[in-house]
Structure formats: structure tokens, C-alpha cells
């Protein structure tokens, strides 16, 4: 499966939300090579993809480690914000 994902991605990270100075053509410039190993992972990883893999969704795409870490951090922030909103809503009920 890893090989299929890399061929489809052209052995280049597919993240489109990395910093502008690391993008070219709308996606990350990091390519698989001797110093960087790309990983195949869901396009939308959940907040804790190792413990709760069912929350990860989407097709498999190529990620460089920094972009994948940032995607998980974004998912964790969304989860924290959701939990805060639920807690605030629960407080207003009582």
C-alpha cells in the first residue's frame, strides 16, 4: 500500500496546509529520499491516530513527518475546542 500511495503522490508530501515557504504548486515541497522518509497515512488523521485509528478518515496520502505532526496537532486543537464547547454548553444547562 505504501508504494501505491507514493507513486500516486510522485514521492512528494501531499500536504497543502504547510507554511507558504515550504510549498510549491499548492503543496509541500518535501520529497522522499535518503534523509526524509515519507509515510502513508489517512488524509484526515484524527487527534490520536495510534490509539483511536477509527477517527482517522479519508484516503491514504503521502505525508512528510513535520506535516503529519502538524495535521495531528490541528486535529487535537479541534478536539479540545469541541470539548470546551460541550463543557460550556453543559454548564449553561444547570
PDB file of N, CA and C in Angstrom:
ATOM      1  N   UNK A   1       0.819  -1.180   0.000  1.00  0.00           N
ATOM      2  CA  UNK A   1       0.000   0.000   0.000  1.00  0.00           C
ATOM      3  C   UNK A   1       0.877   1.264   0.000  1.00  0.00           C
ATOM      4  N   UNK A   2       1.966   1.273   0.779  1.00  0.00           N
ATOM      5  CA  UNK A   2       2.839   2.449   0.836  1.00  0.00           C
ATOM      6  C   UNK A   2       3.318   2.823  -0.562  1.00  0.00           C
ATOM      7  N   UNK A   3       3.756   1.828  -1.304  1.00  0.00           N
ATOM      8  CA  UNK A   3       4.283   2.078  -2.650  1.00  0.00           C
ATOM      9  C   UNK A   3       3.219   2.700  -3.557  1.00  0.00           C
ATOM     10  N   UNK A   4       1.987   2.205  -3.478  1.00  0.00           N
ATOM     11  CA  UNK A   4       0.910   2.750  -4.300  1.00  0.00           C
ATOM     12  C   UNK A   4       0.640   4.216  -3.964  1.00  0.00           C
ATOM     13  N   UNK A   5       0.650   4.538  -2.668  1.00  0.00           N
ATOM     14  CA  UNK A   5       0.417   5.917  -2.233  1.00  0.00           C
ATOM     15  C   UNK A   5       1.538   6.821  -2.740  1.00  0.00           C
ATOM     16  N   UNK A   6       2.785   6.345  -2.643  1.00  0.00           N
ATOM     17  CA  UNK A   6       3.924   7.164  -3.066  1.00  0.00           C
ATOM     18  C   UNK A   6       3.932   7.380  -4.576  1.00  0.00           C
ATOM     19  N   UNK A   7       3.596   6.367  -5.325  1.00  0.00           N
ATOM     20  CA  UNK A   7       3.539   6.508  -6.782  1.00  0.00           C
ATOM     21  C   UNK A   7       2.489   7.547  -7.159  1.00  0.00           C
ATOM     22  N   UNK A   8       1.306   7.453  -6.535  1.00  0.00           N
ATOM     23  CA  UNK A   8       0.239   8.412  -6.809  1.00  0.00           C
ATOM     24  C   UNK A   8       0.668   9.838  -6.453  1.00  0.00           C
ATOM     25  N   UNK A   9       1.443   9.969  -5.369  1.00  0.00           N
ATOM     26  CA  UNK A   9       1.881  11.296  -4.902  1.00  0.00           C
ATOM     27  C   UNK A   9       3.144  11.775  -5.600  1.00  0.00           C
ATOM     28  N   UNK A  10       3.758  10.941  -6.402  1.00  0.00           N
ATOM     29  CA  UNK A  10       5.014  11.314  -7.041  1.00  0.00           C
ATOM     30  C   UNK A  10       6.159  11.408  -6.038  1.00  0.00           C
ATOM     31  N   UNK A  11       6.059  10.624  -4.959  1.00  0.00           N
ATOM     32  CA  UNK A  11       7.082  10.595  -3.896  1.00  0.00           C
ATOM     33  C   UNK A  11       7.300  11.975  -3.295  1.00  0.00           C
ATOM     34  N   UNK A  12       6.192  12.724  -3.170  1.00  0.00           N
ATOM     35  CA  UNK A  12       6.246  14.075  -2.600  1.00  0.00           C
ATOM     36  C   UNK A  12       5.095  14.235  -1.616  1.00  0.00           C
ATOM     37  N   UNK A  13       5.357  14.909  -0.510  1.00  0.00           N
ATOM     38  CA  UNK A  13       4.334  15.152   0.513  1.00  0.00           C
ATOM     39  C   UNK A  13       3.136  15.844  -0.125  1.00  0.00           C
ATOM     40  N   UNK A  14       1.939  15.401   0.234  1.00  0.00           N
ATOM     41  CA  UNK A  14       0.727  15.949  -0.366  1.00  0.00           C
ATOM     42  C   UNK A  14       0.030  17.000   0.493  1.00  0.00           C
ATOM     43  N   UNK A  15       0.645  17.402   1.593  1.00  0.00           N
ATOM     44  CA  UNK A  15       0.022  18.391   2.465  1.00  0.00           C
ATOM     45  C   UNK A  15      -0.089  19.737   1.755  1.00  0.00           C
ATOM     46  N   UNK A  16      -1.245  20.356   1.880  1.00  0.00           N
ATOM     47  CA  UNK A  16      -1.469  21.670   1.268  1.00  0.00           C
ATOM     48  C   UNK A  16      -1.549  22.774   2.315  1.00  0.00           C
ATOM     49  N   UNK A  17      -1.369  22.424   3.591  1.00  0.00           N
ATOM     50  CA  UNK A  17      -1.501  23.415   4.659  1.00  0.00           C
ATOM     51  C   UNK A  17      -0.177  23.720   5.348  1.00  0.00           C
ATOM     52  N   UNK A  18       0.932  23.323   4.767  1.00  0.00           N
ATOM     53  CA  UNK A  18       2.230  23.633   5.367  1.00  0.00           C
ATOM     54  C   UNK A  18       2.553  25.113   5.133  1.00  0.00           C
ATOM     55  N   UNK A  19       3.545  25.662   5.819  1.00  0.00           N
ATOM     56  CA  UNK A  19       3.879  27.075   5.636  1.00  0.00           C
ATOM     57  C   UNK A  19       4.174  27.407   4.168  1.00  0.00           C
ATOM     58  N   UNK A  20       3.843  28.626   3.788  1.00  0.00           N
ATOM     59  CA  UNK A  20       3.971  29.052   2.391  1.00  0.00           C
ATOM     60  C   UNK A  20       5.390  28.902   1.846  1.00  0.00           C
ATOM     61  N   UNK A  21       6.397  29.092   2.695  1.00  0.00           N
ATOM     62  CA  UNK A  21       7.771  28.978   2.207  1.00  0.00           C
ATOM     63  C   UNK A  21       8.170  27.529   1.937  1.00  0.00           C
ATOM     64  N   UNK A  22       7.332  26.573   2.328  1.00  0.00           N
ATOM     65  CA  UNK A  22       7.621  25.158   2.076  1.00  0.00           C
ATOM     66  C   UNK A  22       6.669  24.557   1.045  1.00  0.00           C
ATOM     67  N   UNK A  23       5.968  25.413   0.305  1.00  0.00           N
ATOM     68  CA  UNK A  23       5.014  24.942  -0.695  1.00  0.00           C
ATOM     69  C   UNK A  23       5.427  25.335  -2.094  1.00  0.00           C
ATOM     70  N   UNK A  24       5.090  24.502  -3.023  1.00  0.00           N
ATOM     71  CA  UNK A  24       5.261  24.811  -4.437  1.00  0.00           C
ATOM     72  C   UNK A  24       4.132  24.108  -5.178  1.00  0.00           C
ATOM     73  N   UNK A  25       3.457  24.825  -6.014  1.00  0.00           N
ATOM     74  CA  UNK A  25       2.337  24.216  -6.724  1.00  0.00           C
ATOM     75  C   UNK A  25       1.193  23.859  -5.798  1.00  0.00           C
ATOM     76  N   UNK A  26       1.089  24.537  -4.657  1.00  0.00           N
ATOM     77  CA  UNK A  26      -0.015  24.313  -3.741  1.00  0.00           C
ATOM     78  C   UNK A  26       0.192  23.212  -2.721  1.00  0.00           C
ATOM     79  N   UNK A  27       1.345  22.545  -2.749  1.00  0.00           N
ATOM     80  CA  UNK A  27       1.583  21.505  -1.747  1.00  0.00           C
ATOM     81  C   UNK A  27       3.031  21.507  -1.287  1.00  0.00           C
ATOM     82  N   UNK A  28       3.284  20.772  -0.237  1.00  0.00           N
ATOM     83  CA  UNK A  28       4.609  20.721   0.389  1.00  0.00           C
ATOM     84  C   UNK A  28       5.675  20.298  -0.622  1.00  0.00           C
ATOM     85  N   UNK A  29       6.861  20.855  -0.464  1.00  0.00           N
ATOM     86  CA  UNK A  29       7.952  20.556  -1.395  1.00  0.00           C
ATOM     87  C   UNK A  29       8.793  19.356  -0.966  1.00  0.00           C
ATOM     88  N   UNK A  30       8.528  18.793   0.208  1.00  0.00           N
ATOM     89  CA  UNK A  30       9.345  17.695   0.715  1.00  0.00           C
ATOM     90  C   UNK A  30       9.155  16.440  -0.129  1.00  0.00           C
ATOM     91  N   UNK A  31      10.270  15.861  -0.543  1.00  0.00           N
ATOM     92  CA  UNK A  31      10.239  14.632  -1.331  1.00  0.00           C
ATOM     93  C   UNK A  31      10.906  13.497  -0.570  1.00  0.00           C
ATOM     94  N   UNK A  32      10.466  12.282  -0.877  1.00  0.00           N
ATOM     95  CA  UNK A  32      11.046  11.091  -0.259  1.00  0.00           C
ATOM     96  C   UNK A  32      12.489  10.937  -0.734  1.00  0.00           C
ATOM     97  N   UNK A  33      13.362  10.623   0.173  1.00  0.00           N
ATOM     98  CA  UNK A  33      14.764  10.460  -0.190  1.00  0.00           C
ATOM     99  C   UNK A  33      15.561   9.886   0.959  1.00  0.00           C
ATOM    100  N   UNK A  34      16.883   9.946   0.853  1.00  0.00           N
ATOM    101  CA  UNK A  34      17.715   9.324   1.880  1.00  0.00           C
ATOM    102  C   UNK A  34      17.618  10.002   3.241  1.00  0.00           C
ATOM    103  N   UNK A  35      17.230  11.272   3.282  1.00  0.00           N
ATOM    104  CA  UNK A  35      17.163  11.988   4.560  1.00  0.00           C
ATOM    105  C   UNK A  35      15.744  12.181   5.085  1.00  0.00           C
ATOM    106  N   UNK A  36      14.761  11.965   4.223  1.00  0.00           N
ATOM    107  CA  UNK A  36      13.361  12.112   4.622  1.00  0.00           C
ATOM    108  C   UNK A  36      12.592  10.885   4.159  1.00  0.00           C
ATOM    109  N   UNK A  37      11.886  10.263   5.092  1.00  0.00           N
ATOM    110  CA  UNK A  37      11.047   9.119   4.770  1.00  0.00           C
ATOM    111  C   UNK A  37       9.598   9.542   4.870  1.00  0.00           C
ATOM    112  N   UNK A  38       8.914   9.549   3.738  1.00  0.00           N
ATOM    113  CA  UNK A  38       7.502   9.884   3.748  1.00  0.00           C
ATOM    114  C   UNK A  38       6.706   8.711   4.301  1.00  0.00           C
ATOM    115  N   UNK A  39       5.551   9.027   4.862  1.00  0.00           N
ATOM    116  CA  UNK A  39       4.672   7.982   5.381  1.00  0.00           C
ATOM    117  C   UNK A  39       3.351   8.033   4.636  1.00  0.00           C
ATOM    118  N   UNK A  40       2.685   6.904   4.573  1.00  0.00           N
ATOM    119  CA  UNK A  40       1.341   6.830   4.009  1.00  0.00           C
ATOM    120  C   UNK A  40       0.372   6.792   5.186  1.00  0.00           C
ATOM    121  N   UNK A  41      -0.523   7.752   5.237  1.00  0.00           N
ATOM    122  CA  UNK A  41      -1.474   7.851   6.343  1.00  0.00           C
ATOM    123  C   UNK A  41      -2.760   8.484   5.825  1.00  0.00           C
ATOM    124  N   UNK A  42      -3.835   8.400   6.610  1.00  0.00           N
ATOM    125  CA  UNK A  42      -5.098   8.996   6.162  1.00  0.00           C
ATOM    126  C   UNK A  42      -4.967  10.487   5.886  1.00  0.00           C
ATOM    127  N   UNK A  43      -5.729  10.943   4.922  1.00  0.00           N
ATOM    128  CA  UNK A  43      -5.703  12.364   4.558  1.00  0.00           C
ATOM    129  C   UNK A  43      -6.151  13.242   5.715  1.00  0.00           C
ATOM    130  N   UNK A  44      -7.017  12.741   6.575  1.00  0.00           N
ATOM    131  CA  UNK A  44      -7.504  13.492   7.725  1.00  0.00           C
ATOM    132  C   UNK A  44      -7.290  12.665   8.989  1.00  0.00           C
ATOM    133  N   UNK A  45      -6.072  12.696   9.540  1.00  0.00           N
ATOM    134  CA  UNK A  45      -5.829  11.902  10.744  1.00  0.00           C
ATOM    135  C   UNK A  45      -6.605  12.477  11.920  1.00  0.00           C
ATOM    136  N   UNK A  46      -7.051  11.613  12.784  1.00  0.00           N
ATOM    137  CA  UNK A  46      -7.759  12.076  13.975  1.00  0.00           C
ATOM    138  C   UNK A  46      -6.786  12.633  14.995  1.00  0.00           C
ATOM    139  N   UNK A  47      -7.298  13.040  16.162  1.00  0.00           N
ATOM    140  CA  UNK A  47      -6.442  13.640  17.184  1.00  0.00           C
ATOM    141  C   UNK A  47      -5.458  12.658  17.813  1.00  0.00           C
ATOM    142  N   UNK A  48      -5.750  11.385  17.748  1.00  0.00           N
ATOM    143  CA  UNK A  48      -4.851  10.376  18.317  1.00  0.00           C
ATOM    144  C   UNK A  48      -4.875   9.142  17.414  1.00  0.00           C
ATOM    145  N   UNK A  49      -4.225   9.221  16.257  1.00  0.00           N
ATOM    146  CA  UNK A  49      -4.365   8.156  15.258  1.00  0.00           C
ATOM    147  C   UNK A  49      -3.831   6.790  15.697  1.00  0.00           C
ATOM    148  N   UNK A  50      -2.924   6.739  16.655  1.00  0.00           N
ATOM    149  CA  UNK A  50      -2.409   5.444  17.103  1.00  0.00           C
ATOM    150  C   UNK A  50      -3.355   4.753  18.073  1.00  0.00           C
ATOM    151  N   UNK A  51      -3.979   5.512  18.943  1.00  0.00           N
ATOM    152  CA  UNK A  51      -4.889   4.919  19.930  1.00  0.00           C
ATOM    153  C   UNK A  51      -6.317   4.801  19.417  1.00  0.00           C
ATOM    154  N   UNK A  52      -6.705   5.732  18.553  1.00  0.00           N
ATOM    155  CA  UNK A  52      -8.071   5.730  18.028  1.00  0.00           C
ATOM    156  C   UNK A  52      -8.043   5.825  16.506  1.00  0.00           C
ATOM    157  N   UNK A  53      -7.592   4.765  15.839  1.00  0.00           N
ATOM    158  CA  UNK A  53      -7.460   4.839  14.375  1.00  0.00           C
ATOM    159  C   UNK A  53      -8.790   4.987  13.648  1.00  0.00           C
ATOM    160  N   UNK A  54      -9.886   4.611  14.280  1.00  0.00           N
ATOM    161  CA  UNK A  54     -11.186   4.726  13.608  1.00  0.00           C
ATOM    162  C   UNK A  54     -11.598   6.167  13.389  1.00  0.00           C
ATOM    163  N   UNK A  55     -11.006   7.112  14.137  1.00  0.00           N
ATOM    164  CA  UNK A  55     -11.341   8.515  13.948  1.00  0.00           C
ATOM    165  C   UNK A  55     -10.598   9.123  12.767  1.00  0.00           C
ATOM    166  N   UNK A  56      -9.597   8.421  12.270  1.00  0.00           N
ATOM    167  CA  UNK A  56      -8.903   8.867  11.069  1.00  0.00           C
ATOM    168  C   UNK A  56      -9.783   8.506   9.883  1.00  0.00           C
ATOM    169  N   UNK A  57      -9.838   9.389   8.931  1.00  0.00           N
ATOM    170  CA  UNK A  57     -10.705   9.095   7.793  1.00  0.00           C
ATOM    171  C   UNK A  57     -10.085   9.613   6.511  1.00  0.00           C
ATOM    172  N   UNK A  58     -10.642   9.146   5.445  1.00  0.00           N
ATOM    173  CA  UNK A  58     -10.207   9.612   4.140  1.00  0.00           C
ATOM    174  C   UNK A  58      -9.244   8.655   3.475  1.00  0.00           C
ATOM    175  N   UNK A  59      -8.930   8.979   2.268  1.00  0.00           N
ATOM    176  CA  UNK A  59      -7.998   8.162   1.513  1.00  0.00           C
ATOM    177  C   UNK A  59      -6.587   8.301   2.091  1.00  0.00           C
ATOM    178  N   UNK A  60      -5.735   7.389   1.737  1.00  0.00           N
ATOM    179  CA  UNK A  60      -4.349   7.441   2.184  1.00  0.00           C
ATOM    180  C   UNK A  60      -3.570   8.389   1.282  1.00  0.00           C
ATOM    181  N   UNK A  61      -2.753   9.241   1.908  1.00  0.00           N
ATOM    182  CA  UNK A  61      -1.925  10.180   1.166  1.00  0.00           C
ATOM    183  C   UNK A  61      -0.504  10.144   1.721  1.00  0.00           C
ATOM    184  N   UNK A  62       0.413  10.747   0.991  1.00  0.00           N
ATOM    185  CA  UNK A  62       1.814  10.814   1.414  1.00  0.00           C
ATOM    186  C   UNK A  62       2.012  12.032   2.318  1.00  0.00           C
ATOM    187  N   UNK A  63       2.698  11.827   3.430  1.00  0.00           N
ATOM    188  CA  UNK A  63       2.995  12.897   4.386  1.00  0.00           C
ATOM    189  C   UNK A  63       4.477  12.882   4.715  1.00  0.00           C
ATOM    190  N   UNK A  64       5.070  14.066   4.854  1.00  0.00           N
ATOM    191  CA  UNK A  64       6.393  14.134   5.472  1.00  0.00           C
ATOM    192  C   UNK A  64       6.137  14.210   6.985  1.00  0.00           C
ATOM    193  N   UNK A  65       7.081  13.789   7.805  1.00  0.00           N
ATOM    194  CA  UNK A  65       6.837  13.789   9.254  1.00  0.00           C
ATOM    195  C   UNK A  65       6.403  15.141   9.832  1.00  0.00           C
ATOM    196  N   UNK A  66       7.034  16.278   9.477  1.00  0.00           N
ATOM    197  CA  UNK A  66       6.576  17.543  10.066  1.00  0.00           C
ATOM    198  C   UNK A  66       5.129  17.901   9.692  1.00  0.00           C
ATOM    199  N   UNK A  67       4.748  17.670   8.456  1.00  0.00           N
ATOM    200  CA  UNK A  67       3.382  17.992   8.042  1.00  0.00           C
ATOM    201  C   UNK A  67       2.374  17.073   8.732  1.00  0.00           C
ATOM    202  N   UNK A  68       2.707  15.795   8.876  1.00  0.00           N
ATOM    203  CA  UNK A  68       1.812  14.862   9.558  1.00  0.00           C
ATOM    204  C   UNK A  68       1.643  15.259  11.019  1.00  0.00           C
ATOM    205  N   UNK A  69       2.730  15.630  11.663  1.00  0.00           N
ATOM    206  CA  UNK A  69       2.656  16.075  13.057  1.00  0.00           C
ATOM    207  C   UNK A  69       1.762  17.308  13.181  1.00  0.00           C
ATOM    208  N   UNK A  70       1.890  18.244  12.255  1.00  0.00           N
ATOM    209  CA  UNK A  70       1.056  19.445  12.286  1.00  0.00           C
ATOM    210  C   UNK A  70      -0.416  19.104  12.070  1.00  0.00           C
ATOM    211  N   UNK A  71      -0.698  18.146  11.203  1.00  0.00           N
ATOM    212  CA  UNK A  71      -2.087  17.742  10.964  1.00  0.00           C
ATOM    213  C   UNK A  71      -2.693  17.142  12.229  1.00  0.00           C
ATOM    214  N   UNK A  72      -1.924  16.348  12.944  1.00  0.00           N
ATOM    215  CA  UNK A  72      -2.407  15.771  14.198  1.00  0.00           C
ATOM    216  C   UNK A  72      -2.620  16.871  15.232  1.00  0.00           C
ATOM    217  N   UNK A  73      -1.698  17.834  15.301  1.00  0.00           N
ATOM    218  CA  UNK A  73      -1.866  18.951  16.240  1.00  0.00           C
ATOM    219  C   UNK A  73      -3.136  19.741  15.924  1.00  0.00           C
ATOM    220  N   UNK A  74      -3.412  19.957  14.630  1.00  0.00           N
ATOM    221  CA  UNK A  74      -4.642  20.664  14.261  1.00  0.00           C
ATOM    222  C   UNK A  74      -5.865  19.869  14.693  1.00  0.00           C
ATOM    223  N   UNK A  75      -5.832  18.550  14.484  1.00  0.00           N
ATOM    224  CA  UNK A  75      -6.960  17.702  14.883  1.00  0.00           C
ATOM    225  C   UNK A  75      -7.139  17.720  16.404  1.00  0.00           C
ATOM    226  N   UNK A  76      -6.046  17.724  17.149  1.00  0.00           N
ATOM    227  CA  UNK A  76      -6.139  17.785  18.612  1.00  0.00           C
ATOM    228  C   UNK A  76      -6.729  19.111  19.067  1.00  0.00           C
ATOM    229  N   UNK A  77      -6.363  20.195  18.408  1.00  0.00           N
ATOM    230  CA  UNK A  77      -6.913  21.511  18.759  1.00  0.00           C
ATOM    231  C   UNK A  77      -8.415  21.533  18.508  1.00  0.00           C
ATOM    232  N   UNK A  78      -8.845  20.991  17.387  1.00  0.00           N
ATOM    233  CA  UNK A  78     -10.271  20.923  17.091  1.00  0.00           C
ATOM    234  C   UNK A  78     -10.984  20.108  18.170  1.00  0.00           C
ATOM    235  N   UNK A  79     -10.387  18.994  18.569  1.00  0.00           N
ATOM    236  CA  UNK A  79     -10.973  18.142  19.611  1.00  0.00           C
ATOM    237  C   UNK A  79     -11.058  18.900  20.949  1.00  0.00           C
ATOM    238  N   UNK A  80      -9.991  19.593  21.325  1.00  0.00           N
ATOM    239  CA  UNK A  80     -10.002  20.375  22.572  1.00  0.00           C
ATOM    240  C   UNK A  80     -11.067  21.459  22.526  1.00  0.00           C
ATOM    241  N   UNK A  81     -11.159  22.158  21.408  1.00  0.00           N
ATOM    242  CA  UNK A  81     -12.164  23.211  21.269  1.00  0.00           C
ATOM    243  C   UNK A  81     -13.577  22.637  21.359  1.00  0.00           C
ATOM    244  N   UNK A  82     -13.781  21.475  20.754  1.00  0.00           N
ATOM    245  CA  UNK A  82     -15.088  20.824  20.815  1.00  0.00           C
ATOM    246  C   UNK A  82     -15.435  20.445  22.249  1.00  0.00           C
ATOM    247  N   UNK A  83     -14.463  19.910  22.980  1.00  0.00           N
ATOM    248  CA  UNK A  83     -14.688  19.520  24.383  1.00  0.00           C
ATOM    249  C   UNK A  83     -15.007  20.752  25.238  1.00  0.00           C
ATOM    250  N   UNK A  84     -14.310  21.851  24.987  1.00  0.00           N
ATOM    251  CA  UNK A  84     -14.582  23.085  25.734  1.00  0.00           C
ATOM    252  C   UNK A  84     -15.993  23.588  25.461  1.00  0.00           C
ATOM    253  N   UNK A  85     -16.394  23.543  24.207  1.00  0.00           N
ATOM    254  CA  UNK A  85     -17.745  23.991  23.839  1.00  0.00           C
ATOM    255  C   UNK A  85     -18.812  23.116  24.497  1.00  0.00           C
ATOM    256  N   UNK A  86     -18.579  21.799  24.505  1.00  0.00           N
ATOM    257  CA  UNK A  86     -19.528  20.907  25.159  1.00  0.00           C
ATOM    258  C   UNK A  86     -19.602  21.175  26.643  1.00  0.00           C
ATOM    259  N   UNK A  87     -18.454  21.421  27.268  1.00  0.00           N
ATOM    260  CA  UNK A  87     -18.432  21.714  28.704  1.00  0.00           C
ATOM    261  C   UNK A  87     -19.154  23.035  28.989  1.00  0.00           C
ATOM    262  N   UNK A  88     -18.937  24.033  28.162  1.00  0.00           N
ATOM    263  CA  UNK A  88     -19.597  25.319  28.335  1.00  0.00           C
ATOM    264  C   UNK A  88     -21.103  25.180  28.150  1.00  0.00           C
ATOM    265  N   UNK A  89     -21.512  24.376  27.168  1.00  0.00           N
ATOM    266  CA  UNK A  89     -22.944  24.148  26.945  1.00  0.00           C
ATOM    267  C   UNK A  89     -23.560  23.423  28.132  1.00  0.00           C
ATOM    268  N   UNK A  90     -22.847  22.460  28.702  1.00  0.00           N
ATOM    269  CA  UNK A  90     -23.352  21.724  29.849  1.00  0.00           C
ATOM    270  C   UNK A  90     -23.491  22.634  31.068  1.00  0.00           C
ATOM    271  N   UNK A  91     -22.553  23.561  31.229  1.00  0.00           N
ATOM    272  CA  UNK A  91     -22.625  24.490  32.352  1.00  0.00           C
ATOM    273  C   UNK A  91     -23.825  25.428  32.246  1.00  0.00           C
ATOM    274  N   UNK A  92     -24.204  25.801  31.039  1.00  0.00           N
ATOM    275  CA  UNK A  92     -25.320  26.720  30.881  1.00  0.00           C
ATOM    276  C   UNK A  92     -26.662  26.022  31.106  1.00  0.00           C
ATOM    277  N   UNK A  93     -26.681  24.699  31.042  1.00  0.00           N
ATOM    278  CA  UNK A  93     -27.926  23.972  31.262  1.00  0.00           C
ATOM    279  C   UNK A  93     -28.315  23.952  32.735  1.00  0.00           C
ATOM    280  N   UNK A  94     -27.355  24.069  33.621  1.00  0.00           N
ATOM    281  CA  UNK A  94     -27.651  23.930  35.060  1.00  0.00           C
ATOM    282  C   UNK A  94     -27.424  25.188  35.803  1.00  0.00           C
TER     283      UNK A  94
END
